[in-house]
Amino acid sequence: MWVIQTCLEESPSQEVEVTVMGQDQRLTRFTQNYIHQNVAETDAQVRVRAINGKRIGTASTNGLDRDSLMSALLAADARSRLVPEEPMFPGLCEPRPIPEGPPALYDSTLNCPPDLRAAYVARAVRMAKEKGVSVAGAFSTGSLEVAIGNSKGVRAYYARTDASMTCVAMSPTSTGYAEGGGLDVAAIDPTEIAGTAIAKCLSGQDPVSIPPGEYDVVLEPLAVRDMLMYLSFMGFSGAAYRDGASFISGKMGEKVAGDNITIWDDGLDPSGYPMPFDFEGVPKQKVMLIEEGVAKGVVYDSLTAAREGRESTGHSLGDLAPIPSLPLNLFMAGGEASVADMIASTKKGILVTRFHYVNPVHPTKAIITGMTRDGTFLIENGEIVRGLKNMRFTESVLGAFSRVEALSPQKVMPGLMSIVCPAIKVRGFTFTGTTEF
């Protein structure tokens, strides 16, 4: 915390906020059944937000020496004197009690040696060679530290580890994919991950095409993760809701999805990737976003909340992104059905492993488009009968969530956001195009 204290003491601005993010990352990449890269990176970034009156300036540096810190402080101060005033800016946040986050630092991850990562990869490679396919992917371990302080007295610190393994299995005509991750590297099972990817690859060989149209689909958690991530980008921000750009705008308290859909954000739930405060040092609240299909809430940073006469929910992104607030710890309630149960109950449909190249089409209608990838299969009479060539879909996420017939238990999905979600079976999912691969 000495970096924060130095900045607070040396800043020429009326108010100042300092965010320090430190990361250690260790990565082993493999392709065509051999390791081709083993790298390690340690970095820290200091972000300064200077306040003079109602004017706000920012600057950043990844140097921790005094000269670098002073340059960032002076740059932020200078910028704050050139920009227009923000009339509704409430000032920097006052200190609020921050709950102690769940234990999230695992020695097994912090001290994971490169030869253990290599051993995990070697297991995947051996399995692939036995089946006559090749594998590619990555195995990573690392840690994240976040410290925030401001001239009003806010002091916040949290640290956590993370580990993940991705695996793509490839044959001349097909691919299969699987991944796993969590805070503890010991929870990752390379045999399960590689076995799933290889099995999908072998089952999908010599894929065929089917016409575009509406099909019942079984979407595995990786695909549901992408739907939730884009749903969050398109509408769970308080700023989007205020501007009428959210699919919830004008619909708060109304039905927007099926009765079996409940989505919330909770930075203190240890089953995800916990983070007890946001990038303003405000403690995170648990926010119910959609409950039993009814729109219940959005998330706020301090400025957007002030414009609405509300209080921040602890979801500021600071200057990390153009979106001022976002739920980064998403959960979607699951059910009791397994993926096998969903397949068995499908007369004719499609099993989707994951999506690729997803983009928003119409945010206020929650419509996205994208492609299937690495394991798309035709279901007939309750069984997977063969692989399908990848297909393009164009669908409203909320529309699909209004037609969910079954949900599996939840699974932790590593990625850009912490998302814990189930697999789902959806009636009448719209595919708008086909591919040649």
Protein backbone atom coordinates (compact mmCIF):
# COMPACT_ATOMS: atom_id res chain seq x y z
CA MET A 1 0.00 0.00 0.00
CA TRP A 2 3.07 2.28 0.05
CA VAL A 3 2.38 3.21 -3.60
CA ILE A 4 -1.08 4.47 -2.67
CA GLN A 5 0.18 6.37 0.34
CA THR A 6 2.94 8.03 -1.72
CA CYS A 7 0.46 9.13 -4.38
CA LEU A 8 -2.00 10.47 -1.83
CA GLU A 9 0.72 12.49 -0.12
CA GLU A 10 2.29 13.88 -3.31
CA SER A 11 -0.78 14.64 -5.42
CA PRO A 12 -1.34 18.34 -6.20
CA SER A 13 -5.06 17.76 -6.86
CA GLN A 14 -7.93 18.60 -4.53
CA GLU A 15 -8.89 14.92 -4.41
CA VAL A 16 -7.15 11.85 -5.79
CA GLU A 17 -7.97 8.17 -6.17
CA VAL A 18 -5.29 5.55 -6.77
CA THR A 19 -5.81 1.99 -8.04
CA VAL A 20 -2.98 -0.52 -8.10
CA MET A 21 -3.37 -3.83 -9.95
CA GLY A 22 -0.62 -6.43 -9.77
CA GLN A 23 -0.60 -9.63 -11.80
CA ASP A 24 1.57 -12.73 -11.99
CA GLN A 25 0.85 -15.03 -14.91
CA ARG A 26 2.50 -18.32 -15.89
CA LEU A 27 1.47 -19.86 -19.19
CA THR A 28 2.26 -23.09 -21.03
CA ARG A 29 0.96 -23.29 -24.60
CA PHE A 30 0.81 -26.41 -26.72
CA THR A 31 -0.12 -27.23 -30.32
CA GLN A 32 0.09 -30.26 -32.62
CA ASN A 33 0.85 -32.44 -29.60
CA TYR A 34 3.87 -30.57 -28.26
CA ILE A 35 4.62 -27.62 -25.99
CA HIS A 36 5.73 -24.63 -28.04
CA GLN A 37 5.73 -21.82 -25.49
CA ASN A 38 6.36 -21.42 -21.78
CA VAL A 39 6.23 -17.84 -20.48
CA ALA A 40 5.90 -15.91 -17.25
CA GLU A 41 4.96 -12.27 -16.69
CA THR A 42 4.84 -10.07 -13.63
CA ASP A 43 3.36 -6.61 -14.01
CA ALA A 44 1.73 -3.86 -12.00
CA GLN A 45 -0.32 -0.91 -13.16
CA VAL A 46 -1.11 2.24 -11.23
CA ARG A 47 -4.15 4.29 -12.26
CA VAL A 48 -4.64 7.80 -10.91
CA ARG A 49 -7.89 9.76 -10.96
CA ALA A 50 -7.39 13.44 -10.11
CA ILE A 51 -10.31 15.65 -9.06
CA ASN A 52 -10.35 19.45 -9.16
CA GLY A 53 -13.79 20.83 -8.49
CA LYS A 54 -16.10 18.91 -10.81
CA ARG A 55 -13.34 18.16 -13.32
CA ILE A 56 -11.82 14.68 -13.56
CA GLY A 57 -8.50 13.67 -15.12
CA THR A 58 -6.88 10.25 -15.33
CA ALA A 59 -3.44 8.83 -16.05
CA SER A 60 -1.67 5.52 -15.56
CA THR A 61 1.79 3.98 -15.34
CA ASN A 62 3.30 0.56 -14.83
CA GLY A 63 6.35 2.03 -13.13
CA LEU A 64 6.41 1.87 -9.35
CA ASP A 65 9.35 4.23 -8.81
CA ARG A 66 8.74 7.71 -7.48
CA ASP A 67 9.45 9.46 -10.79
CA SER A 68 6.87 7.35 -12.64
CA LEU A 69 4.27 7.90 -9.94
CA MET A 70 4.86 11.67 -9.95
CA SER A 71 4.54 11.77 -13.76
CA ALA A 72 1.16 10.02 -13.55
CA LEU A 73 -0.02 12.30 -10.73
CA LEU A 74 0.95 15.46 -12.61
CA ALA A 75 -0.51 14.20 -15.89
CA ALA A 76 -3.86 13.36 -14.25
CA ASP A 77 -3.92 16.73 -12.50
CA ALA A 78 -3.16 18.63 -15.72
CA ARG A 79 -5.89 16.79 -17.63
CA SER A 80 -8.43 17.47 -14.91
CA ARG A 81 -7.92 21.22 -15.44
CA LEU A 82 -8.61 21.00 -19.19
CA VAL A 83 -11.78 18.90 -19.39
CA PRO A 84 -15.37 20.13 -18.97
CA GLU A 85 -17.01 19.87 -15.57
CA GLU A 86 -19.16 16.88 -14.70
CA PRO A 87 -22.04 18.64 -12.89
CA MET A 88 -23.45 15.52 -11.25
CA PHE A 89 -20.11 14.17 -10.01
CA PRO A 90 -20.66 13.45 -6.29
CA GLY A 91 -17.00 13.54 -5.36
CA LEU A 92 -14.84 10.56 -4.52
CA CYS A 93 -16.44 7.83 -2.49
CA GLU A 94 -16.47 8.00 1.27
CA PRO A 95 -15.11 4.92 3.06
CA ARG A 96 -17.64 2.19 3.71
CA PRO A 97 -17.09 -1.08 5.58
CA ILE A 98 -15.86 -3.69 3.12
CA PRO A 99 -16.76 -7.27 4.03
CA GLU A 100 -13.89 -9.71 4.24
CA GLY A 101 -13.91 -11.64 0.99
CA PRO A 102 -13.79 -15.44 0.98
CA PRO A 103 -10.30 -17.01 0.98
CA ALA A 104 -9.13 -16.93 -2.62
CA LEU A 105 -5.34 -17.37 -2.47
CA TYR A 106 -4.24 -20.97 -2.99
CA ASP A 107 -0.61 -21.94 -2.44
CA SER A 108 -1.05 -24.78 -4.92
CA THR A 109 -1.71 -22.19 -7.62
CA LEU A 110 0.79 -19.57 -6.44
CA ASN A 111 3.61 -22.10 -6.33
CA CYS A 112 2.62 -24.27 -9.30
CA PRO A 113 5.92 -25.19 -11.03
CA PRO A 114 6.30 -25.29 -14.82
CA ASP A 115 6.97 -29.02 -14.76
CA LEU A 116 3.51 -29.61 -13.26
CA ARG A 117 1.92 -27.58 -16.06
CA ALA A 118 3.99 -29.62 -18.52
CA ALA A 119 2.81 -32.86 -16.89
CA TYR A 120 -0.84 -31.80 -17.28
CA VAL A 121 -0.23 -31.03 -20.94
CA ALA A 122 1.65 -34.30 -21.44
CA ARG A 123 -1.37 -36.21 -20.18
CA ALA A 124 -3.58 -34.53 -22.78
CA VAL A 125 -1.03 -35.21 -25.52
CA ARG A 126 -0.75 -38.91 -24.63
CA MET A 127 -4.52 -39.28 -24.74
CA ALA A 128 -4.69 -37.53 -28.13
CA LYS A 129 -1.95 -39.67 -29.67
CA GLU A 130 -3.70 -42.83 -28.49
CA LYS A 131 -6.82 -41.74 -30.42
CA GLY A 132 -4.96 -40.52 -33.52
CA VAL A 133 -5.80 -36.82 -33.13
CA SER A 134 -3.80 -33.74 -32.15
CA VAL A 135 -4.45 -31.26 -29.36
CA ALA A 136 -3.72 -27.59 -28.81
CA GLY A 137 -4.45 -25.20 -26.00
CA ALA A 138 -2.99 -23.59 -22.93
CA PHE A 139 -2.51 -24.17 -19.22
CA SER A 140 -2.15 -21.06 -17.05
CA THR A 141 -1.75 -20.21 -13.39
CA GLY A 142 -1.57 -16.79 -11.85
CA SER A 143 -2.63 -14.30 -9.23
CA LEU A 144 -4.28 -10.88 -9.12
CA GLU A 145 -3.92 -8.19 -6.45
CA VAL A 146 -6.06 -5.06 -6.35
CA ALA A 147 -5.52 -2.16 -3.97
CA ILE A 148 -7.52 1.08 -3.96
CA GLY A 149 -7.18 4.21 -1.87
CA ASN A 150 -8.42 7.79 -2.07
CA SER A 151 -8.03 11.07 -0.26
CA LYS A 152 -11.41 10.58 1.48
CA GLY A 153 -10.00 7.62 3.42
CA VAL A 154 -11.00 4.62 1.28
CA ARG A 155 -8.56 1.72 1.66
CA ALA A 156 -9.31 -1.61 0.02
CA TYR A 157 -7.19 -4.66 -0.82
CA TYR A 158 -7.93 -8.14 -2.14
CA ALA A 159 -5.91 -10.89 -3.77
CA ARG A 160 -6.86 -14.12 -5.47
CA THR A 161 -5.32 -16.85 -7.61
CA ASP A 162 -6.67 -18.37 -10.80
CA ALA A 163 -5.86 -21.34 -13.00
CA SER A 164 -7.30 -22.62 -16.26
CA MET A 165 -6.77 -25.22 -18.95
CA THR A 166 -8.16 -25.11 -22.49
CA CYS A 167 -7.94 -27.96 -24.99
CA VAL A 168 -8.90 -28.18 -28.66
CA ALA A 169 -8.73 -31.65 -30.23
CA MET A 170 -8.38 -31.80 -34.02
CA SER A 171 -8.81 -34.37 -36.78
CA PRO A 172 -8.76 -33.67 -40.53
CA THR A 173 -12.52 -33.03 -40.54
CA SER A 174 -13.51 -32.09 -37.01
CA THR A 175 -12.63 -30.35 -33.76
CA GLY A 176 -13.71 -30.66 -30.15
CA TYR A 177 -13.24 -28.32 -27.22
CA ALA A 178 -13.27 -28.34 -23.44
CA GLU A 179 -11.90 -26.18 -20.65
CA GLY A 180 -11.80 -25.94 -16.90
CA GLY A 181 -10.64 -23.51 -14.29
CA GLY A 182 -10.91 -22.10 -10.81
CA LEU A 183 -8.97 -20.56 -7.97
CA ASP A 184 -7.21 -23.81 -7.06
CA VAL A 185 -5.09 -25.51 -9.71
CA ALA A 186 -5.62 -28.81 -7.91
CA ALA A 187 -9.31 -28.71 -8.91
CA ILE A 188 -8.44 -28.91 -12.61
CA ASP A 189 -8.65 -32.41 -14.10
CA PRO A 190 -6.63 -32.56 -17.35
CA THR A 191 -7.87 -36.08 -18.05
CA GLU A 192 -11.50 -34.97 -18.01
CA ILE A 193 -10.80 -31.85 -20.08
CA ALA A 194 -8.73 -33.62 -22.73
CA GLY A 195 -11.08 -36.61 -22.77
CA THR A 196 -14.11 -34.40 -23.41
CA ALA A 197 -12.39 -32.49 -26.23
CA ILE A 198 -11.13 -35.68 -27.86
CA ALA A 199 -14.52 -37.42 -27.62
CA LYS A 200 -16.25 -34.46 -29.26
CA CYS A 201 -13.64 -34.39 -32.02
CA LEU A 202 -14.03 -38.10 -32.78
CA SER A 203 -17.85 -37.94 -32.69
CA GLY A 204 -17.90 -34.97 -35.06
CA GLN A 205 -15.83 -36.41 -37.91
CA ASP A 206 -17.15 -36.01 -41.46
CA PRO A 207 -19.85 -33.50 -40.48
CA VAL A 208 -22.88 -32.81 -42.65
CA SER A 209 -24.98 -29.71 -43.29
CA ILE A 210 -28.62 -29.15 -42.40
CA PRO A 211 -30.80 -26.25 -43.59
CA PRO A 212 -31.04 -23.08 -41.50
CA GLY A 213 -34.20 -22.73 -39.44
CA GLU A 214 -35.57 -23.08 -35.93
CA TYR A 215 -34.35 -26.10 -33.99
CA ASP A 216 -34.56 -27.26 -30.42
CA VAL A 217 -31.06 -26.89 -28.99
CA VAL A 218 -29.04 -28.12 -26.06
CA LEU A 219 -26.56 -25.37 -25.22
CA GLU A 220 -23.66 -26.44 -23.04
CA PRO A 221 -22.42 -24.03 -20.32
CA LEU A 222 -19.73 -22.53 -22.57
CA ALA A 223 -22.43 -21.31 -24.97
CA VAL A 224 -24.65 -20.07 -22.14
CA ARG A 225 -21.67 -18.16 -20.74
CA ASP A 226 -21.39 -16.14 -23.95
CA MET A 227 -25.10 -15.39 -23.93
CA LEU A 228 -24.91 -14.11 -20.36
CA MET A 229 -21.79 -12.08 -21.05
CA TYR A 230 -23.39 -10.26 -23.97
CA LEU A 231 -26.64 -9.87 -22.08
CA SER A 232 -24.63 -8.12 -19.38
CA PHE A 233 -22.87 -5.83 -21.86
CA MET A 234 -26.16 -4.92 -23.52
CA GLY A 235 -28.35 -4.14 -20.58
CA PHE A 236 -27.33 -4.65 -16.96
CA SER A 237 -25.47 -1.34 -16.66
CA GLY A 238 -27.21 1.49 -14.85
CA ALA A 239 -26.00 3.89 -17.54
CA ALA A 240 -27.61 1.87 -20.36
CA TYR A 241 -30.82 1.60 -18.34
CA ARG A 242 -30.88 5.37 -17.71
CA ASP A 243 -30.25 6.17 -21.37
CA GLY A 244 -33.00 3.85 -22.61
CA ALA A 245 -30.42 1.65 -24.33
CA SER A 246 -31.03 -1.43 -22.17
CA PHE A 247 -33.47 -4.24 -22.90
CA ILE A 248 -34.74 -3.59 -19.35
CA SER A 249 -35.40 0.12 -19.96
CA GLY A 250 -39.10 0.71 -19.32
CA LYS A 251 -39.57 -2.93 -18.28
CA MET A 252 -38.39 -2.99 -14.67
CA GLY A 253 -40.70 -5.26 -12.70
CA GLU A 254 -42.04 -6.85 -15.88
CA LYS A 255 -41.61 -10.34 -17.33
CA VAL A 256 -38.61 -10.52 -19.68
CA ALA A 257 -37.75 -14.24 -19.56
CA GLY A 258 -39.19 -17.59 -18.49
CA ASP A 259 -40.16 -18.46 -14.93
CA ASN A 260 -37.12 -20.75 -14.64
CA ILE A 261 -34.61 -17.95 -15.35
CA THR A 262 -32.95 -16.23 -12.40
CA ILE A 263 -29.75 -14.21 -12.85
CA TRP A 264 -27.83 -12.26 -10.23
CA ASP A 265 -24.43 -10.77 -9.44
CA ASP A 266 -22.56 -11.58 -6.23
CA GLY A 267 -18.93 -10.67 -5.71
CA LEU A 268 -18.74 -12.50 -2.37
CA ASP A 269 -19.87 -15.95 -3.53
CA PRO A 270 -16.83 -18.26 -3.23
CA SER A 271 -18.13 -20.60 -5.92
CA GLY A 272 -17.15 -18.02 -8.56
CA TYR A 273 -14.16 -15.68 -8.77
CA PRO A 274 -14.87 -13.43 -5.76
CA MET A 275 -14.10 -9.71 -5.53
CA PRO A 276 -15.53 -7.86 -2.50
CA PHE A 277 -15.28 -4.28 -3.83
CA ASP A 278 -15.32 -2.40 -7.12
CA PHE A 279 -12.77 -0.13 -8.79
CA GLU A 280 -13.83 2.82 -6.65
CA GLY A 281 -13.33 0.87 -3.43
CA VAL A 282 -17.10 0.54 -2.88
CA PRO A 283 -18.24 -2.77 -1.34
CA LYS A 284 -20.11 -4.94 -3.81
CA GLN A 285 -23.76 -5.61 -3.18
CA LYS A 286 -25.53 -8.74 -4.30
CA VAL A 287 -27.87 -7.53 -7.06
CA MET A 288 -30.79 -9.57 -8.36
CA LEU A 289 -30.98 -8.80 -12.09
CA ILE A 290 -33.72 -11.16 -13.27
CA GLU A 291 -35.75 -13.21 -10.80
CA GLU A 292 -38.06 -15.96 -12.05
CA GLY A 293 -38.16 -14.16 -15.37
CA VAL A 294 -38.94 -10.70 -13.95
CA ALA A 295 -36.54 -7.76 -14.45
CA LYS A 296 -35.39 -6.75 -10.98
CA GLY A 297 -32.33 -4.54 -11.18
CA VAL A 298 -29.21 -3.11 -12.80
CA VAL A 299 -25.81 -2.21 -11.36
CA TYR A 300 -24.37 1.24 -10.64
CA ASP A 301 -21.11 3.07 -10.20
CA SER A 302 -21.07 6.25 -8.08
CA LEU A 303 -21.53 8.79 -10.91
CA THR A 304 -24.37 6.95 -12.66
CA ALA A 305 -26.01 6.37 -9.29
CA ALA A 306 -25.77 10.08 -8.43
CA ARG A 307 -27.46 11.00 -11.71
CA GLU A 308 -30.33 8.70 -10.75
CA GLY A 309 -30.48 9.76 -7.11
CA ARG A 310 -29.31 6.30 -6.08
CA GLU A 311 -26.40 4.75 -4.27
CA SER A 312 -23.61 2.83 -5.98
CA THR A 313 -24.07 -0.95 -5.91
CA GLY A 314 -20.30 -1.42 -6.02
CA HIS A 315 -19.93 -2.24 -9.71
CA SER A 316 -17.71 0.54 -11.06
CA LEU A 317 -15.15 -0.45 -13.68
CA GLY A 318 -13.16 2.72 -13.08
CA ASP A 319 -11.35 3.60 -16.30
CA LEU A 320 -10.88 -0.06 -17.29
CA ALA A 321 -13.63 0.11 -19.91
CA PRO A 322 -15.97 2.59 -21.63
CA ILE A 323 -18.89 1.03 -19.73
CA PRO A 324 -19.03 2.74 -16.31
CA SER A 325 -20.53 -0.22 -14.46
CA LEU A 326 -20.95 -3.92 -15.14
CA PRO A 327 -21.75 -7.08 -13.18
CA LEU A 328 -18.50 -9.07 -13.20
CA ASN A 329 -19.63 -11.93 -10.94
CA LEU A 330 -22.66 -13.35 -12.72
CA PHE A 331 -24.68 -16.35 -11.61
CA MET A 332 -27.56 -18.07 -13.37
CA ALA A 333 -29.69 -20.53 -11.41
CA GLY A 334 -29.48 -24.12 -12.58
CA GLY A 335 -31.72 -27.15 -12.49
CA GLU A 336 -31.58 -30.91 -12.06
CA ALA A 337 -31.39 -32.16 -15.65
CA SER A 338 -28.12 -33.41 -17.12
CA VAL A 339 -27.01 -32.73 -20.68
CA ALA A 340 -27.67 -36.42 -21.36
CA ASP A 341 -31.24 -35.97 -20.07
CA MET A 342 -31.75 -32.99 -22.38
CA ILE A 343 -30.48 -34.94 -25.38
CA ALA A 344 -32.65 -37.92 -24.52
CA SER A 345 -35.77 -35.70 -24.44
CA THR A 346 -35.08 -34.17 -27.87
CA LYS A 347 -36.78 -35.66 -30.93
CA LYS A 348 -34.79 -33.57 -33.40
CA GLY A 349 -32.38 -30.84 -32.49
CA ILE A 350 -28.81 -29.61 -32.19
CA LEU A 351 -26.20 -29.90 -29.45
CA VAL A 352 -23.88 -26.86 -29.26
CA THR A 353 -20.58 -26.99 -27.39
CA ARG A 354 -19.74 -23.31 -27.65
CA PHE A 355 -20.10 -20.15 -29.73
CA HIS A 356 -17.54 -18.13 -31.66
CA TYR A 357 -17.35 -14.60 -33.10
CA VAL A 358 -20.42 -13.40 -31.20
CA ASN A 359 -21.58 -9.82 -31.75
CA PRO A 360 -24.58 -7.75 -30.62
CA VAL A 361 -27.20 -6.97 -33.28
CA HIS A 362 -29.94 -5.08 -31.40
CA PRO A 363 -29.11 -4.27 -27.75
CA THR A 364 -32.60 -3.13 -26.72
CA LYS A 365 -33.99 -6.44 -27.99
CA ALA A 366 -30.99 -8.40 -26.65
CA ILE A 367 -30.33 -9.89 -30.10
CA ILE A 368 -26.90 -11.40 -30.80
CA THR A 369 -25.39 -13.29 -33.72
CA GLY A 370 -22.48 -15.70 -33.95
CA MET A 371 -21.27 -19.12 -35.01
CA THR A 372 -21.17 -22.54 -33.40
CA ARG A 373 -17.71 -24.02 -32.96
CA ASP A 374 -15.73 -27.09 -31.88
CA GLY A 375 -18.54 -29.58 -31.48
CA THR A 376 -21.95 -29.14 -33.12
CA PHE A 377 -24.06 -32.29 -33.34
CA LEU A 378 -27.37 -33.46 -34.78
CA ILE A 379 -29.79 -35.02 -32.29
CA GLU A 380 -32.47 -37.42 -33.50
CA ASN A 381 -34.84 -39.48 -31.37
CA GLY A 382 -32.93 -38.72 -28.19
CA GLU A 383 -29.48 -39.59 -29.48
CA ILE A 384 -26.52 -37.82 -31.07
CA VAL A 385 -26.34 -39.26 -34.57
CA ARG A 386 -23.48 -37.30 -36.18
CA GLY A 387 -21.49 -34.12 -36.37
CA LEU A 388 -22.81 -31.00 -38.07
CA LYS A 389 -20.95 -28.31 -39.95
CA ASN A 390 -20.93 -25.10 -38.01
CA MET A 391 -23.99 -22.87 -38.23
CA ARG A 392 -24.68 -19.16 -37.80
CA PHE A 393 -27.34 -18.15 -35.31
CA THR A 394 -29.23 -14.88 -34.82
CA GLU A 395 -31.32 -14.91 -31.68
CA SER A 396 -32.62 -12.78 -28.84
CA VAL A 397 -31.00 -13.93 -25.60
CA LEU A 398 -34.13 -13.04 -23.64
CA GLY A 399 -36.26 -14.69 -26.31
CA ALA A 400 -34.25 -17.88 -25.92
CA PHE A 401 -34.41 -17.56 -22.14
CA SER A 402 -38.20 -17.42 -22.47
CA ARG A 403 -38.21 -20.86 -24.11
CA VAL A 404 -35.93 -22.83 -21.78
CA GLU A 405 -37.33 -26.28 -21.12
CA ALA A 406 -34.57 -27.68 -18.89
CA LEU A 407 -31.48 -26.57 -16.97
CA SER A 408 -28.51 -28.51 -15.64
CA PRO A 409 -26.62 -27.91 -12.39
CA GLN A 410 -24.32 -24.88 -12.46
CA LYS A 411 -20.72 -24.95 -13.63
CA VAL A 412 -17.97 -22.35 -13.10
CA MET A 413 -16.93 -20.78 -16.38
CA PRO A 414 -13.53 -19.05 -16.45
CA GLY A 415 -13.19 -16.10 -18.79
CA LEU A 416 -13.35 -12.33 -19.12
CA MET A 417 -16.12 -12.28 -16.53
CA SER A 418 -16.71 -14.67 -13.67
CA ILE A 419 -19.81 -16.59 -14.77
CA VAL A 420 -21.43 -19.57 -13.07
CA CYS A 421 -24.18 -21.06 -15.22
CA PRO A 422 -25.93 -24.25 -16.34
CA ALA A 423 -26.44 -25.97 -19.65
CA ILE A 424 -29.92 -25.31 -21.04
CA LYS A 425 -32.37 -26.81 -23.50
CA VAL A 426 -34.13 -24.18 -25.62
CA ARG A 427 -37.15 -24.66 -27.85
CA GLY A 428 -37.05 -23.09 -31.32
CA PHE A 429 -33.55 -21.55 -31.45
CA THR A 430 -32.98 -19.64 -34.71
CA PHE A 431 -30.13 -20.59 -37.04
CA THR A 432 -29.79 -18.27 -40.02
CA GLY A 433 -26.92 -19.73 -42.03
CA THR A 434 -24.53 -22.63 -42.61
CA THR A 435 -20.81 -23.01 -43.28
CA GLU A 436 -18.52 -25.32 -45.24
CA PHE A 437 -16.52 -26.42 -42.20
